[in-house]
Amino acid sequence: MVLTNFNRGELVTLVSQRTRFQMVRVLSGAGIAYASKTNGMLGFGDRNRTLVPGMNAGALYTYTVYVHKQDDYRALKAIRDALHDEI
């Protein structure tokens, strides 16, 4: 099933790229279609040029994962069952 802006819902927004990879791995393994979007927190520039001393480099981006609205419950259950000890 193709995900469009009209039939998808936001599943989760994360600041950890590692957790995002774990989640999409679980969704893919469960046969759940997903889309992912990466947003820069500062909205411009290169990571190397925008770092502020003392700022966590991992906090510069948010990762939003979307699934089909009908798969929302299934996706949450798959993630909970697979990752509840890791997150």
Protein backbone atom coordinates (compact mmCIF):
# COMPACT_ATOMS: atom_id res chain seq x y z
CA MET A 1 0.00 0.00 0.00
CA VAL A 2 1.38 3.40 -0.97
CA LEU A 3 1.70 6.04 1.74
CA THR A 4 0.51 9.51 0.82
CA ASN A 5 0.02 12.64 2.88
CA PHE A 6 -3.68 11.80 3.05
CA ASN A 7 -3.57 8.23 4.33
CA ARG A 8 -0.61 8.33 6.69
CA GLY A 9 -0.38 9.27 10.32
CA GLU A 10 2.59 10.21 12.44
CA LEU A 11 3.73 7.24 14.47
CA VAL A 12 6.58 8.83 16.42
CA THR A 13 9.11 11.66 16.37
CA LEU A 14 12.59 10.85 17.68
CA VAL A 15 15.89 12.61 18.25
CA SER A 16 17.96 9.41 18.12
CA GLN A 17 19.03 8.17 14.71
CA ARG A 18 19.88 4.80 16.24
CA THR A 19 16.35 4.37 17.62
CA ARG A 20 14.89 5.46 14.27
CA PHE A 21 16.87 2.72 12.51
CA GLN A 22 15.68 0.16 15.06
CA MET A 23 12.05 1.19 14.59
CA VAL A 24 12.08 1.08 10.80
CA ARG A 25 13.83 -2.31 10.94
CA VAL A 26 10.99 -3.64 13.10
CA LEU A 27 8.32 -2.10 10.87
CA SER A 28 9.94 -3.54 7.76
CA GLY A 29 10.23 -6.96 9.39
CA ALA A 30 6.54 -6.85 10.31
CA GLY A 31 5.59 -5.99 6.72
CA ILE A 32 4.32 -2.52 7.66
CA ALA A 33 4.85 0.21 5.08
CA TYR A 34 6.43 3.34 6.52
CA ALA A 35 7.84 6.68 5.49
CA SER A 36 10.45 8.65 7.35
CA LYS A 37 11.34 12.34 7.38
CA THR A 38 14.44 14.00 8.79
CA ASN A 39 14.26 17.62 9.91
CA GLY A 40 17.18 19.78 10.95
CA MET A 41 16.52 21.62 14.19
CA LEU A 42 18.32 24.74 13.02
CA GLY A 43 16.83 24.66 9.54
CA PHE A 44 19.98 25.59 7.64
CA GLY A 45 23.59 24.75 6.99
CA ASP A 46 25.85 21.83 7.41
CA ARG A 47 26.14 19.92 10.69
CA ASN A 48 29.83 20.86 11.02
CA ARG A 49 29.11 24.57 10.63
CA THR A 50 26.09 24.73 12.93
CA LEU A 51 27.39 23.00 16.04
CA VAL A 52 27.38 25.15 19.13
CA PRO A 53 30.05 24.32 21.72
CA GLY A 54 28.55 22.00 24.32
CA MET A 55 25.56 21.08 22.14
CA ASN A 56 24.82 17.41 21.55
CA ALA A 57 25.33 16.78 17.81
CA GLY A 58 22.60 14.13 17.89
CA ALA A 59 20.05 16.71 18.98
CA LEU A 60 20.34 18.71 15.75
CA TYR A 61 17.89 16.48 13.91
CA THR A 62 14.46 14.99 14.48
CA TYR A 63 13.31 11.83 12.76
CA THR A 64 9.58 11.39 12.18
CA VAL A 65 8.22 7.98 11.21
CA TYR A 66 4.84 7.70 9.48
CA VAL A 67 2.67 4.64 8.85
CA HIS A 68 -0.64 4.08 7.14
CA LYS A 69 -3.44 5.19 9.47
CA GLN A 70 -4.93 1.69 9.42
CA ASP A 71 -1.58 0.19 10.51
CA ASP A 72 -1.07 2.49 13.48
CA TYR A 73 -2.04 -0.03 16.18
CA ARG A 74 -0.17 -2.88 14.47
CA ALA A 75 2.96 -0.73 14.19
CA LEU A 76 2.88 0.33 17.83
CA LYS A 77 2.41 -3.28 18.94
CA ALA A 78 5.29 -4.51 16.77
CA ILE A 79 7.61 -1.81 18.12
CA ARG A 80 6.56 -2.39 21.71
CA ASP A 81 7.06 -6.15 21.43
CA ALA A 82 10.46 -5.86 19.72
CA LEU A 83 12.04 -2.85 21.37
CA HIS A 84 10.50 -2.41 24.81
CA ASP A 85 13.74 -3.40 26.56
CA GLU A 86 15.98 -1.33 24.27
CA ILE A 87 14.22 2.05 24.24
